[in-house]
Amino acid sequence: MGFERIKEKVEDYLSKGKRIFTSSSFQTHSIPLLHIISKVDPSIPVYFLNTGYHFPETIEFRDQIVDQFQLNLIDLKPDTPKIMQLGPDGKLLFTSDPDHCCYLNKTQPMEKVLMHYDVWINGIRAEQNSFRSAMKEEEVAKYNVIRYHPMINWTNKEIFEYRKKYDLPEHPLEAKGYFSIGCEPCTRKLDLEMQDREARWFGLNKTECGLNTDLVNK
């Protein structure tokens, strides 16, 4: 199911002296890639964008997976304090300008990380939305960093089968109807009329936070 291919690719990067990192939102579909990385080289840094808005269940699940896989977790927090993330109405930006909120809490911190690496292992998959379906296994990010998308062609079925094979856990909120889990203020349970990513920014006509649009060269 692609384990050997990913292993060979990562080992090839490392043999060429490439500085590698990955990032993860620690959702259920993220777990196979983290499991593979733990088997190939658990010293590879795993950045978690800690926006300060995550569900408590996400933080608990993250800690569980890090401990189980013995991952090299780096908790990445925004430089801009929440008191400076207010709109003209005095409310936090996620209520009035979610794109700028995502920029301050996700895109800006990750852009600084890119300056220190050569390869970004990114777990996006073509099935997730039309924008991602147009991306290739390798893309060029800012600062000429290679974005490596090892899971780009993995289906939901393959993710499930891999998890079943290795008895990997699922995010606790899935049992409550959440299948695309981001920041708590913006995330809703999935209903039959939604695509997965629509539940991530409910009612906002938004399916990306900037990590996969602003930080890729097109």
N, C-alpha and C. Protein backbone atom coordinates (compact mmCIF):
# COMPACT_ATOMS: atom_id res chain seq x y z
N MET A 1 0.81 -1.22 0.00
CA MET A 1 0.00 0.00 0.00
C MET A 1 0.85 1.27 0.00
N GLY A 2 2.07 1.18 -0.51
CA GLY A 2 2.88 2.36 -0.66
C GLY A 2 3.94 2.57 0.40
N PHE A 3 3.98 1.71 1.42
CA PHE A 3 4.96 1.89 2.49
C PHE A 3 6.38 1.90 1.94
N GLU A 4 6.72 0.91 1.13
CA GLU A 4 8.09 0.80 0.62
C GLU A 4 8.45 1.97 -0.27
N ARG A 5 7.50 2.42 -1.08
CA ARG A 5 7.74 3.56 -1.96
C ARG A 5 8.05 4.81 -1.14
N ILE A 6 7.27 5.05 -0.10
CA ILE A 6 7.50 6.22 0.75
C ILE A 6 8.84 6.09 1.47
N LYS A 7 9.11 4.90 1.99
CA LYS A 7 10.37 4.65 2.68
C LYS A 7 11.57 4.95 1.77
N GLU A 8 11.51 4.44 0.55
CA GLU A 8 12.61 4.66 -0.39
C GLU A 8 12.78 6.15 -0.72
N LYS A 9 11.67 6.84 -0.89
CA LYS A 9 11.73 8.26 -1.23
C LYS A 9 12.33 9.07 -0.09
N VAL A 10 11.89 8.81 1.13
CA VAL A 10 12.42 9.55 2.29
C VAL A 10 13.89 9.23 2.49
N GLU A 11 14.25 7.97 2.36
CA GLU A 11 15.66 7.59 2.51
C GLU A 11 16.53 8.21 1.43
N ASP A 12 15.97 8.37 0.22
CA ASP A 12 16.71 9.03 -0.85
C ASP A 12 16.96 10.50 -0.52
N TYR A 13 15.94 11.19 -0.01
CA TYR A 13 16.13 12.57 0.42
C TYR A 13 17.23 12.66 1.48
N LEU A 14 17.15 11.78 2.46
CA LEU A 14 18.11 11.81 3.56
C LEU A 14 19.53 11.51 3.07
N SER A 15 19.66 10.58 2.12
CA SER A 15 20.98 10.23 1.60
C SER A 15 21.62 11.40 0.85
N LYS A 16 20.79 12.31 0.36
CA LYS A 16 21.28 13.49 -0.35
C LYS A 16 21.48 14.68 0.58
N GLY A 17 21.35 14.43 1.87
CA GLY A 17 21.58 15.47 2.86
C GLY A 17 20.44 16.47 3.00
N LYS A 18 19.25 16.11 2.51
CA LYS A 18 18.12 17.02 2.60
C LYS A 18 17.60 17.11 4.04
N ARG A 19 17.29 18.30 4.45
CA ARG A 19 16.69 18.53 5.77
C ARG A 19 15.18 18.37 5.61
N ILE A 20 14.63 17.41 6.35
CA ILE A 20 13.23 17.00 6.16
C ILE A 20 12.40 17.28 7.41
N PHE A 21 11.17 17.69 7.18
CA PHE A 21 10.20 17.75 8.28
C PHE A 21 8.84 17.37 7.73
N THR A 22 7.92 17.10 8.63
CA THR A 22 6.53 16.91 8.25
C THR A 22 5.65 17.75 9.17
N SER A 23 4.41 17.91 8.78
CA SER A 23 3.43 18.59 9.62
C SER A 23 2.20 17.72 9.69
N SER A 24 1.46 17.87 10.76
CA SER A 24 0.27 17.03 10.92
C SER A 24 -0.79 17.75 11.74
N SER A 25 -2.05 17.52 11.34
CA SER A 25 -3.18 18.03 12.10
C SER A 25 -3.71 16.98 13.07
N PHE A 26 -3.11 15.79 13.05
CA PHE A 26 -3.47 14.68 13.95
C PHE A 26 -4.95 14.35 13.87
N GLN A 27 -5.44 14.22 12.64
CA GLN A 27 -6.76 13.66 12.41
C GLN A 27 -6.60 12.18 12.09
N THR A 28 -7.71 11.49 12.04
CA THR A 28 -7.64 10.05 11.78
C THR A 28 -6.90 9.73 10.49
N HIS A 29 -7.19 10.49 9.44
CA HIS A 29 -6.55 10.19 8.15
C HIS A 29 -5.06 10.56 8.14
N SER A 30 -4.60 11.30 9.16
CA SER A 30 -3.18 11.66 9.27
C SER A 30 -2.33 10.53 9.84
N ILE A 31 -2.96 9.60 10.53
CA ILE A 31 -2.24 8.63 11.34
C ILE A 31 -1.40 7.64 10.51
N PRO A 32 -1.87 7.13 9.36
CA PRO A 32 -1.01 6.24 8.58
C PRO A 32 0.33 6.87 8.19
N LEU A 33 0.32 8.14 7.74
CA LEU A 33 1.58 8.78 7.37
C LEU A 33 2.49 8.92 8.58
N LEU A 34 1.95 9.31 9.72
CA LEU A 34 2.78 9.42 10.92
C LEU A 34 3.34 8.06 11.33
N HIS A 35 2.54 7.03 11.16
CA HIS A 35 3.00 5.68 11.48
C HIS A 35 4.16 5.28 10.56
N ILE A 36 4.03 5.58 9.28
CA ILE A 36 5.10 5.27 8.31
C ILE A 36 6.38 6.03 8.67
N ILE A 37 6.24 7.32 8.95
CA ILE A 37 7.41 8.13 9.32
C ILE A 37 8.08 7.57 10.56
N SER A 38 7.28 7.13 11.52
CA SER A 38 7.87 6.57 12.75
C SER A 38 8.69 5.32 12.47
N LYS A 39 8.32 4.58 11.43
CA LYS A 39 9.04 3.36 11.07
C LYS A 39 10.27 3.66 10.23
N VAL A 40 10.21 4.72 9.43
CA VAL A 40 11.34 5.08 8.56
C VAL A 40 12.41 5.84 9.34
N ASP A 41 12.00 6.89 10.04
CA ASP A 41 12.96 7.69 10.82
C ASP A 41 12.18 8.54 11.82
N PRO A 42 12.03 8.05 13.06
CA PRO A 42 11.24 8.78 14.05
C PRO A 42 11.86 10.10 14.50
N SER A 43 13.10 10.37 14.06
CA SER A 43 13.71 11.65 14.43
C SER A 43 13.25 12.80 13.54
N ILE A 44 12.57 12.49 12.44
CA ILE A 44 12.06 13.55 11.56
C ILE A 44 11.10 14.44 12.35
N PRO A 45 11.34 15.76 12.37
CA PRO A 45 10.46 16.65 13.14
C PRO A 45 9.03 16.63 12.62
N VAL A 46 8.08 16.58 13.54
CA VAL A 46 6.65 16.63 13.21
C VAL A 46 6.09 17.92 13.81
N TYR A 47 5.77 18.88 12.95
CA TYR A 47 5.25 20.16 13.43
C TYR A 47 3.74 20.11 13.56
N PHE A 48 3.26 20.57 14.70
CA PHE A 48 1.83 20.68 14.95
C PHE A 48 1.50 22.15 15.12
N LEU A 49 0.64 22.67 14.25
CA LEU A 49 0.25 24.08 14.31
C LEU A 49 -0.75 24.28 15.45
N ASN A 50 -0.23 24.69 16.57
CA ASN A 50 -1.06 24.87 17.75
C ASN A 50 -1.64 26.28 17.74
N THR A 51 -2.81 26.41 17.12
CA THR A 51 -3.44 27.71 16.94
C THR A 51 -4.00 28.30 18.23
N GLY A 52 -4.17 27.45 19.22
CA GLY A 52 -4.83 27.89 20.45
C GLY A 52 -6.33 27.73 20.41
N TYR A 53 -6.84 27.21 19.28
CA TYR A 53 -8.27 27.03 19.11
C TYR A 53 -8.67 25.57 18.95
N HIS A 54 -7.76 24.64 19.13
CA HIS A 54 -8.07 23.24 18.90
C HIS A 54 -9.02 22.67 19.96
N PHE A 55 -9.78 21.66 19.54
CA PHE A 55 -10.58 20.90 20.49
C PHE A 55 -9.64 20.25 21.52
N PRO A 56 -10.03 20.16 22.78
CA PRO A 56 -9.21 19.45 23.76
C PRO A 56 -8.95 18.00 23.33
N GLU A 57 -9.92 17.39 22.65
CA GLU A 57 -9.76 16.01 22.19
C GLU A 57 -8.63 15.88 21.18
N THR A 58 -8.42 16.92 20.36
CA THR A 58 -7.32 16.89 19.38
C THR A 58 -5.97 16.90 20.10
N ILE A 59 -5.83 17.73 21.10
CA ILE A 59 -4.57 17.80 21.85
C ILE A 59 -4.31 16.48 22.56
N GLU A 60 -5.34 15.90 23.14
CA GLU A 60 -5.18 14.61 23.82
C GLU A 60 -4.81 13.50 22.83
N PHE A 61 -5.45 13.51 21.68
CA PHE A 61 -5.16 12.51 20.65
C PHE A 61 -3.74 12.69 20.12
N ARG A 62 -3.34 13.94 19.89
CA ARG A 62 -1.97 14.22 19.48
C ARG A 62 -0.97 13.63 20.46
N ASP A 63 -1.17 13.88 21.73
CA ASP A 63 -0.23 13.39 22.74
C ASP A 63 -0.21 11.87 22.79
N GLN A 64 -1.36 11.27 22.59
CA GLN A 64 -1.45 9.80 22.56
C GLN A 64 -0.63 9.23 21.40
N ILE A 65 -0.79 9.81 20.21
CA ILE A 65 -0.07 9.32 19.03
C ILE A 65 1.43 9.57 19.16
N VAL A 66 1.80 10.73 19.64
CA VAL A 66 3.23 11.04 19.81
C VAL A 66 3.88 10.03 20.75
N ASP A 67 3.20 9.70 21.82
CA ASP A 67 3.73 8.73 22.78
C ASP A 67 3.77 7.33 22.18
N GLN A 68 2.72 6.96 21.48
CA GLN A 68 2.63 5.62 20.90
C GLN A 68 3.67 5.40 19.80
N PHE A 69 3.89 6.41 18.96
CA PHE A 69 4.82 6.28 17.84
C PHE A 69 6.21 6.80 18.15
N GLN A 70 6.36 7.44 19.32
CA GLN A 70 7.64 8.03 19.72
C GLN A 70 8.12 9.06 18.69
N LEU A 71 7.22 9.99 18.37
CA LEU A 71 7.50 11.00 17.37
C LEU A 71 8.26 12.19 17.96
N ASN A 72 8.95 12.90 17.07
CA ASN A 72 9.70 14.10 17.44
C ASN A 72 8.80 15.31 17.22
N LEU A 73 7.90 15.56 18.16
CA LEU A 73 6.91 16.62 18.01
C LEU A 73 7.48 17.99 18.31
N ILE A 74 7.11 18.96 17.46
CA ILE A 74 7.41 20.36 17.71
C ILE A 74 6.09 21.12 17.70
N ASP A 75 5.75 21.72 18.82
CA ASP A 75 4.51 22.46 18.98
C ASP A 75 4.73 23.87 18.45
N LEU A 76 4.12 24.19 17.32
CA LEU A 76 4.36 25.47 16.64
C LEU A 76 3.22 26.43 16.93
N LYS A 77 3.55 27.53 17.59
CA LYS A 77 2.53 28.51 17.98
C LYS A 77 2.72 29.81 17.20
N PRO A 78 1.64 30.58 17.02
CA PRO A 78 1.75 31.84 16.28
C PRO A 78 2.55 32.88 17.05
N ASP A 79 3.18 33.79 16.31
CA ASP A 79 3.92 34.89 16.92
C ASP A 79 2.98 35.99 17.42
N THR A 80 1.83 36.11 16.75
CA THR A 80 0.91 37.20 17.07
C THR A 80 -0.03 36.77 18.21
N PRO A 81 0.03 37.44 19.36
CA PRO A 81 -0.84 37.05 20.47
C PRO A 81 -2.30 37.31 20.13
N LYS A 82 -3.20 36.58 20.78
CA LYS A 82 -4.63 36.70 20.49
C LYS A 82 -5.16 38.12 20.72
N ILE A 83 -4.59 38.87 21.65
CA ILE A 83 -5.05 40.23 21.91
C ILE A 83 -4.83 41.14 20.71
N MET A 84 -3.91 40.70 19.80
CA MET A 84 -3.65 41.48 18.58
C MET A 84 -4.32 40.84 17.37
N GLN A 85 -5.20 39.88 17.61
CA GLN A 85 -5.93 39.23 16.52
C GLN A 85 -7.42 39.59 16.60
N LEU A 86 -7.67 40.88 16.70
CA LEU A 86 -9.04 41.36 16.82
C LEU A 86 -9.45 42.14 15.58
N GLY A 87 -10.70 42.01 15.19
CA GLY A 87 -11.24 42.76 14.07
C GLY A 87 -11.71 44.13 14.51
N PRO A 88 -12.23 44.93 13.57
CA PRO A 88 -12.71 46.28 13.90
C PRO A 88 -13.80 46.30 14.97
N ASP A 89 -14.52 45.17 15.08
CA ASP A 89 -15.59 45.09 16.08
C ASP A 89 -15.09 44.65 17.45
N GLY A 90 -13.77 44.43 17.55
CA GLY A 90 -13.20 44.01 18.83
C GLY A 90 -13.28 42.53 19.10
N LYS A 91 -13.85 41.78 18.16
CA LYS A 91 -13.95 40.33 18.32
C LYS A 91 -12.80 39.63 17.62
N LEU A 92 -12.51 38.41 18.06
CA LEU A 92 -11.42 37.65 17.45
C LEU A 92 -11.68 37.43 15.97
N LEU A 93 -10.60 37.38 15.19
CA LEU A 93 -10.69 37.40 13.74
C LEU A 93 -11.47 36.25 13.13
N PHE A 94 -11.54 35.12 13.82
CA PHE A 94 -12.25 34.00 13.20
C PHE A 94 -13.73 34.32 12.98
N THR A 95 -14.25 35.34 13.66
CA THR A 95 -15.65 35.72 13.49
C THR A 95 -15.88 36.63 12.29
N SER A 96 -14.82 37.34 11.86
CA SER A 96 -15.00 38.33 10.80
C SER A 96 -14.06 38.16 9.61
N ASP A 97 -12.88 37.61 9.84
CA ASP A 97 -11.91 37.47 8.76
C ASP A 97 -11.15 36.15 8.95
N PRO A 98 -11.80 35.01 8.69
CA PRO A 98 -11.17 33.72 8.94
C PRO A 98 -9.90 33.49 8.11
N ASP A 99 -9.83 34.08 6.91
CA ASP A 99 -8.62 33.92 6.10
C ASP A 99 -7.41 34.54 6.80
N HIS A 100 -7.60 35.73 7.36
CA HIS A 100 -6.48 36.37 8.06
C HIS A 100 -6.17 35.65 9.36
N CYS A 101 -7.20 35.12 10.00
CA CYS A 101 -6.99 34.32 11.21
C CYS A 101 -6.12 33.11 10.89
N CYS A 102 -6.44 32.42 9.79
CA CYS A 102 -5.64 31.27 9.37
C CYS A 102 -4.21 31.68 9.02
N TYR A 103 -4.08 32.86 8.39
CA TYR A 103 -2.74 33.34 8.02
C TYR A 103 -1.88 33.53 9.26
N LEU A 104 -2.42 34.21 10.27
CA LEU A 104 -1.65 34.50 11.48
C LEU A 104 -1.33 33.25 12.29
N ASN A 105 -2.27 32.31 12.32
CA ASN A 105 -2.13 31.15 13.21
C ASN A 105 -1.55 29.91 12.54
N LYS A 106 -1.56 29.88 11.20
CA LYS A 106 -1.07 28.69 10.49
C LYS A 106 -0.02 29.03 9.44
N THR A 107 -0.41 29.85 8.47
CA THR A 107 0.47 30.08 7.32
C THR A 107 1.75 30.82 7.71
N GLN A 108 1.62 31.89 8.45
CA GLN A 108 2.80 32.66 8.84
C GLN A 108 3.79 31.85 9.67
N PRO A 109 3.35 31.12 10.70
CA PRO A 109 4.31 30.29 11.45
C PRO A 109 4.97 29.23 10.58
N MET A 110 4.19 28.59 9.67
CA MET A 110 4.76 27.54 8.83
C MET A 110 5.74 28.10 7.82
N GLU A 111 5.49 29.29 7.32
CA GLU A 111 6.42 29.90 6.36
C GLU A 111 7.81 30.07 6.98
N LYS A 112 7.85 30.43 8.24
CA LYS A 112 9.14 30.58 8.92
C LYS A 112 9.86 29.24 9.05
N VAL A 113 9.09 28.19 9.24
CA VAL A 113 9.68 26.85 9.33
C VAL A 113 10.35 26.47 8.02
N LEU A 114 9.70 26.81 6.91
CA LEU A 114 10.22 26.44 5.59
C LEU A 114 11.63 26.96 5.35
N MET A 115 11.97 28.07 5.96
CA MET A 115 13.29 28.67 5.75
C MET A 115 14.42 27.75 6.21
N HIS A 116 14.11 26.76 7.06
CA HIS A 116 15.14 25.94 7.67
C HIS A 116 15.19 24.51 7.13
N TYR A 117 14.39 24.22 6.10
CA TYR A 117 14.32 22.85 5.59
C TYR A 117 14.39 22.80 4.06
N ASP A 118 14.59 21.58 3.56
CA ASP A 118 14.64 21.35 2.12
C ASP A 118 13.42 20.58 1.62
N VAL A 119 12.82 19.76 2.49
CA VAL A 119 11.69 18.92 2.09
C VAL A 119 10.60 18.98 3.16
N TRP A 120 9.38 19.22 2.69
CA TRP A 120 8.21 19.23 3.56
C TRP A 120 7.34 18.05 3.18
N ILE A 121 7.26 17.04 4.04
CA ILE A 121 6.37 15.90 3.82
C ILE A 121 4.97 16.33 4.24
N ASN A 122 4.08 16.41 3.26
CA ASN A 122 2.76 16.96 3.48
C ASN A 122 1.72 15.90 3.13
N GLY A 123 0.76 15.65 4.01
CA GLY A 123 -0.15 14.52 3.85
C GLY A 123 -1.43 14.78 3.09
N ILE A 124 -1.48 15.83 2.26
CA ILE A 124 -2.71 16.08 1.50
C ILE A 124 -3.03 14.92 0.57
N ARG A 125 -4.34 14.75 0.29
CA ARG A 125 -4.79 13.69 -0.61
C ARG A 125 -5.74 14.25 -1.66
N ALA A 126 -5.66 13.70 -2.86
CA ALA A 126 -6.45 14.18 -3.99
C ALA A 126 -7.95 14.08 -3.72
N GLU A 127 -8.37 13.09 -2.97
CA GLU A 127 -9.80 12.90 -2.68
C GLU A 127 -10.41 14.03 -1.86
N GLN A 128 -9.60 14.80 -1.19
CA GLN A 128 -10.13 15.74 -0.20
C GLN A 128 -10.86 16.94 -0.82
N ASN A 129 -10.38 17.45 -1.94
CA ASN A 129 -11.11 18.50 -2.66
C ASN A 129 -10.51 18.68 -4.05
N SER A 130 -11.16 19.48 -4.88
CA SER A 130 -10.72 19.65 -6.27
C SER A 130 -9.37 20.34 -6.36
N PHE A 131 -9.09 21.26 -5.43
CA PHE A 131 -7.79 21.94 -5.45
C PHE A 131 -6.66 20.93 -5.23
N ARG A 132 -6.83 20.06 -4.26
CA ARG A 132 -5.78 19.09 -3.95
C ARG A 132 -5.66 18.02 -5.04
N SER A 133 -6.76 17.74 -5.72
CA SER A 133 -6.71 16.72 -6.77
C SER A 133 -5.84 17.16 -7.94
N ALA A 134 -5.58 18.46 -8.05
CA ALA A 134 -4.75 18.98 -9.13
C ALA A 134 -3.27 19.00 -8.78
N MET A 135 -2.92 18.63 -7.55
CA MET A 135 -1.53 18.68 -7.12
C MET A 135 -0.82 17.36 -7.44
N LYS A 136 0.49 17.46 -7.60
CA LYS A 136 1.32 16.31 -7.94
C LYS A 136 2.01 15.77 -6.69
N GLU A 137 2.70 14.65 -6.86
CA GLU A 137 3.40 14.05 -5.73
C GLU A 137 4.49 14.98 -5.19
N GLU A 138 5.10 15.74 -6.06
CA GLU A 138 6.08 16.74 -5.64
C GLU A 138 5.69 18.09 -6.22
N GLU A 139 5.74 19.10 -5.38
CA GLU A 139 5.53 20.48 -5.80
C GLU A 139 6.64 21.32 -5.17
N VAL A 140 6.79 22.53 -5.67
CA VAL A 140 7.79 23.43 -5.10
C VAL A 140 7.09 24.45 -4.21
N ALA A 141 7.55 24.54 -2.97
CA ALA A 141 7.00 25.50 -2.03
C ALA A 141 7.89 26.74 -1.99
N LYS A 142 7.55 27.67 -1.13
CA LYS A 142 8.37 28.86 -0.96
C LYS A 142 9.79 28.47 -0.55
N TYR A 143 10.75 29.32 -0.92
CA TYR A 143 12.16 29.13 -0.61
C TYR A 143 12.71 27.86 -1.26
N ASN A 144 12.07 27.45 -2.36
CA ASN A 144 12.49 26.27 -3.12
C ASN A 144 12.46 24.98 -2.31
N VAL A 145 11.64 24.95 -1.30
CA VAL A 145 11.44 23.72 -0.53
C VAL A 145 10.59 22.76 -1.37
N ILE A 146 10.95 21.49 -1.35
CA ILE A 146 10.16 20.47 -2.04
C ILE A 146 9.00 20.07 -1.14
N ARG A 147 7.80 20.17 -1.67
CA ARG A 147 6.63 19.62 -0.98
C ARG A 147 6.43 18.20 -1.50
N TYR A 148 6.63 17.23 -0.63
CA TYR A 148 6.45 15.83 -1.01
C TYR A 148 5.12 15.36 -0.47
N HIS A 149 4.25 14.88 -1.37
CA HIS A 149 2.89 14.44 -1.01
C HIS A 149 2.77 12.93 -1.17
N PRO A 150 3.27 12.17 -0.23
CA PRO A 150 3.28 10.71 -0.37
C PRO A 150 1.90 10.07 -0.38
N MET A 151 0.90 10.76 0.18
CA MET A 151 -0.44 10.19 0.29
C MET A 151 -1.39 10.70 -0.79
N ILE A 152 -0.88 11.44 -1.76
CA ILE A 152 -1.74 12.15 -2.69
C ILE A 152 -2.75 11.24 -3.37
N ASN A 153 -2.37 10.01 -3.68
CA ASN A 153 -3.27 9.10 -4.39
C ASN A 153 -3.92 8.05 -3.49
N TRP A 154 -3.71 8.15 -2.19
CA TRP A 154 -4.36 7.22 -1.26
C TRP A 154 -5.84 7.58 -1.15
N THR A 155 -6.68 6.56 -1.16
CA THR A 155 -8.12 6.75 -1.02
C THR A 155 -8.53 6.58 0.44
N ASN A 156 -9.76 6.96 0.74
CA ASN A 156 -10.28 6.75 2.09
C ASN A 156 -10.26 5.26 2.44
N LYS A 157 -10.54 4.43 1.45
CA LYS A 157 -10.53 2.98 1.68
C LYS A 157 -9.13 2.50 2.05
N GLU A 158 -8.12 3.01 1.37
CA GLU A 158 -6.75 2.61 1.67
C GLU A 158 -6.31 3.10 3.05
N ILE A 159 -6.73 4.31 3.41
CA ILE A 159 -6.45 4.81 4.75
C ILE A 159 -7.06 3.89 5.79
N PHE A 160 -8.32 3.51 5.59
CA PHE A 160 -9.01 2.62 6.52
C PHE A 160 -8.30 1.27 6.61
N GLU A 161 -7.93 0.71 5.46
CA GLU A 161 -7.28 -0.61 5.45
C GLU A 161 -5.93 -0.57 6.14
N TYR A 162 -5.18 0.50 5.95
CA TYR A 162 -3.89 0.62 6.63
C TYR A 162 -4.09 0.71 8.13
N ARG A 163 -5.05 1.52 8.56
CA ARG A 163 -5.33 1.64 9.99
C ARG A 163 -5.75 0.30 10.58
N LYS A 164 -6.56 -0.43 9.83
CA LYS A 164 -7.03 -1.73 10.31
C LYS A 164 -5.86 -2.71 10.42
N LYS A 165 -4.99 -2.70 9.42
CA LYS A 165 -3.85 -3.63 9.40
C LYS A 165 -2.95 -3.43 10.61
N TYR A 166 -2.73 -2.17 11.00
CA TYR A 166 -1.81 -1.88 12.10
C TYR A 166 -2.53 -1.48 13.39
N ASP A 167 -3.85 -1.65 13.40
CA ASP A 167 -4.65 -1.38 14.59
C ASP A 167 -4.39 0.05 15.11
N LEU A 168 -4.52 1.02 14.21
CA LEU A 168 -4.26 2.41 14.56
C LEU A 168 -5.55 3.09 15.02
N PRO A 169 -5.47 3.94 16.02
CA PRO A 169 -6.69 4.55 16.60
C PRO A 169 -7.26 5.64 15.72
N GLU A 170 -8.50 6.04 16.03
CA GLU A 170 -9.13 7.16 15.34
C GLU A 170 -9.33 8.32 16.30
N HIS A 171 -9.41 9.49 15.73
CA HIS A 171 -9.66 10.70 16.53
C HIS A 171 -10.98 10.51 17.29
N PRO A 172 -11.02 10.81 18.58
CA PRO A 172 -12.23 10.56 19.37
C PRO A 172 -13.46 11.31 18.92
N LEU A 173 -13.30 12.43 18.21
CA LEU A 173 -14.46 13.18 17.76
C LEU A 173 -15.15 12.56 16.55
N GLU A 174 -14.49 11.61 15.88
CA GLU A 174 -15.14 10.97 14.73
C GLU A 174 -16.41 10.24 15.16
N ALA A 175 -16.37 9.62 16.31
CA ALA A 175 -17.54 8.89 16.81
C ALA A 175 -18.72 9.84 17.08
N LYS A 176 -18.42 11.13 17.16
CA LYS A 176 -19.46 12.13 17.42
C LYS A 176 -19.89 12.84 16.13
N GLY A 177 -19.37 12.38 14.98
CA GLY A 177 -19.81 12.94 13.71
C GLY A 177 -18.90 13.97 13.09
N TYR A 178 -17.70 14.16 13.64
CA TYR A 178 -16.74 15.10 13.07
C TYR A 178 -15.73 14.32 12.22
N PHE A 179 -15.56 14.73 10.94
CA PHE A 179 -14.67 14.00 10.06
C PHE A 179 -13.58 14.87 9.43
N SER A 180 -13.72 16.17 9.50
CA SER A 180 -12.66 17.09 9.10
C SER A 180 -12.53 18.07 10.25
N ILE A 181 -11.51 17.88 11.05
CA ILE A 181 -11.45 18.54 12.36
C ILE A 181 -10.34 19.58 12.39
N GLY A 182 -10.74 20.82 12.52
CA GLY A 182 -9.78 21.91 12.61
C GLY A 182 -9.95 22.63 13.93
N CYS A 183 -10.00 23.96 13.87
CA CYS A 183 -10.18 24.75 15.07
C CYS A 183 -11.63 24.66 15.55
N GLU A 184 -11.81 24.63 16.84
CA GLU A 184 -13.14 24.42 17.41
C GLU A 184 -14.17 25.46 17.01
N PRO A 185 -13.84 26.78 16.94
CA PRO A 185 -14.88 27.76 16.61
C PRO A 185 -15.45 27.59 15.20
N CYS A 186 -14.68 27.03 14.27
CA CYS A 186 -15.10 26.96 12.87
C CYS A 186 -15.59 25.59 12.43
N THR A 187 -15.29 24.54 13.19
CA THR A 187 -15.58 23.17 12.78
C THR A 187 -16.98 22.74 13.21
N ARG A 188 -17.67 22.04 12.31
CA ARG A 188 -18.99 21.51 12.62
C ARG A 188 -19.03 20.01 12.30
N LYS A 189 -20.01 19.35 12.85
CA LYS A 189 -20.24 17.95 12.48
C LYS A 189 -20.62 17.88 11.00
N LEU A 190 -20.25 16.79 10.37
CA LEU A 190 -20.56 16.59 8.96
C LEU A 190 -22.01 16.14 8.80
N ASP A 191 -22.75 16.80 7.90
CA ASP A 191 -24.07 16.28 7.57
C ASP A 191 -24.06 15.79 6.13
N LEU A 192 -25.15 15.19 5.70
CA LEU A 192 -25.19 14.52 4.41
C LEU A 192 -25.04 15.47 3.23
N GLU A 193 -25.29 16.76 3.43
CA GLU A 193 -25.20 17.71 2.33
C GLU A 193 -23.81 18.35 2.21
N MET A 194 -22.91 18.04 3.13
CA MET A 194 -21.58 18.65 3.12
C MET A 194 -20.53 17.73 2.52
N GLN A 195 -19.52 18.34 1.89
CA GLN A 195 -18.28 17.65 1.61
C GLN A 195 -17.43 17.73 2.88
N ASP A 196 -16.44 16.82 3.01
CA ASP A 196 -15.65 16.77 4.25
C ASP A 196 -15.08 18.14 4.64
N ARG A 197 -14.47 18.82 3.67
CA ARG A 197 -13.77 20.06 3.99
C ARG A 197 -14.73 21.21 4.29
N GLU A 198 -15.98 21.12 3.86
CA GLU A 198 -16.96 22.18 4.15
C GLU A 198 -17.23 22.27 5.65
N ALA A 199 -17.16 21.15 6.34
CA ALA A 199 -17.42 21.14 7.77
C ALA A 199 -16.28 21.80 8.55
N ARG A 200 -15.14 21.98 7.89
CA ARG A 200 -13.96 22.55 8.54
C ARG A 200 -14.13 24.06 8.79
N TRP A 201 -14.78 24.74 7.85
CA TRP A 201 -15.08 26.17 8.00
C TRP A 201 -16.55 26.37 7.67
N PHE A 202 -17.39 25.95 8.56
CA PHE A 202 -18.83 25.88 8.28
C PHE A 202 -19.40 27.25 7.89
N GLY A 203 -20.09 27.28 6.74
CA GLY A 203 -20.78 28.48 6.29
C GLY A 203 -19.89 29.57 5.75
N LEU A 204 -18.61 29.27 5.50
CA LEU A 204 -17.67 30.32 5.11
C LEU A 204 -17.18 30.21 3.67
N ASN A 205 -17.69 29.25 2.89
CA ASN A 205 -17.25 29.05 1.51
C ASN A 205 -15.72 28.96 1.44
N LYS A 206 -15.16 28.18 2.34
CA LYS A 206 -13.71 28.11 2.51
C LYS A 206 -13.32 26.66 2.73
N THR A 207 -12.31 26.17 1.99
CA THR A 207 -11.88 24.78 2.18
C THR A 207 -10.37 24.65 2.37
N GLU A 208 -9.64 25.77 2.36
CA GLU A 208 -8.19 25.75 2.59
C GLU A 208 -7.81 26.89 3.52
N CYS A 209 -6.74 26.67 4.30
CA CYS A 209 -6.32 27.68 5.27
C CYS A 209 -5.16 28.53 4.79
N GLY A 210 -4.59 28.19 3.64
CA GLY A 210 -3.43 28.94 3.14
C GLY A 210 -2.17 28.12 3.09
N LEU A 211 -2.10 27.07 3.90
CA LEU A 211 -0.89 26.22 3.90
C LEU A 211 -0.65 25.59 2.52
N ASN A 212 -1.74 25.25 1.85
CA ASN A 212 -1.61 24.55 0.57
C ASN A 212 -1.91 25.44 -0.63
N THR A 213 -2.10 26.75 -0.37
CA THR A 213 -2.30 27.70 -1.46
C THR A 213 -1.18 28.75 -1.44
N ASP A 214 -1.02 29.43 -0.30
CA ASP A 214 0.00 30.48 -0.21
C ASP A 214 1.42 29.92 -0.16
N LEU A 215 1.59 28.69 0.33
CA LEU A 215 2.93 28.14 0.52
C LEU A 215 3.30 27.12 -0.56
N VAL A 216 2.76 27.30 -1.73
CA VAL A 216 3.17 26.47 -2.87
C VAL A 216 3.34 27.39 -4.06
N ASN A 217 4.41 27.18 -4.83
CA ASN A 217 4.66 28.01 -6.00
C ASN A 217 3.88 27.50 -7.19
N LYS A 218 3.10 28.35 -7.79
CA LYS A 218 2.32 27.98 -8.96
C LYS A 218 2.59 28.94 -10.11
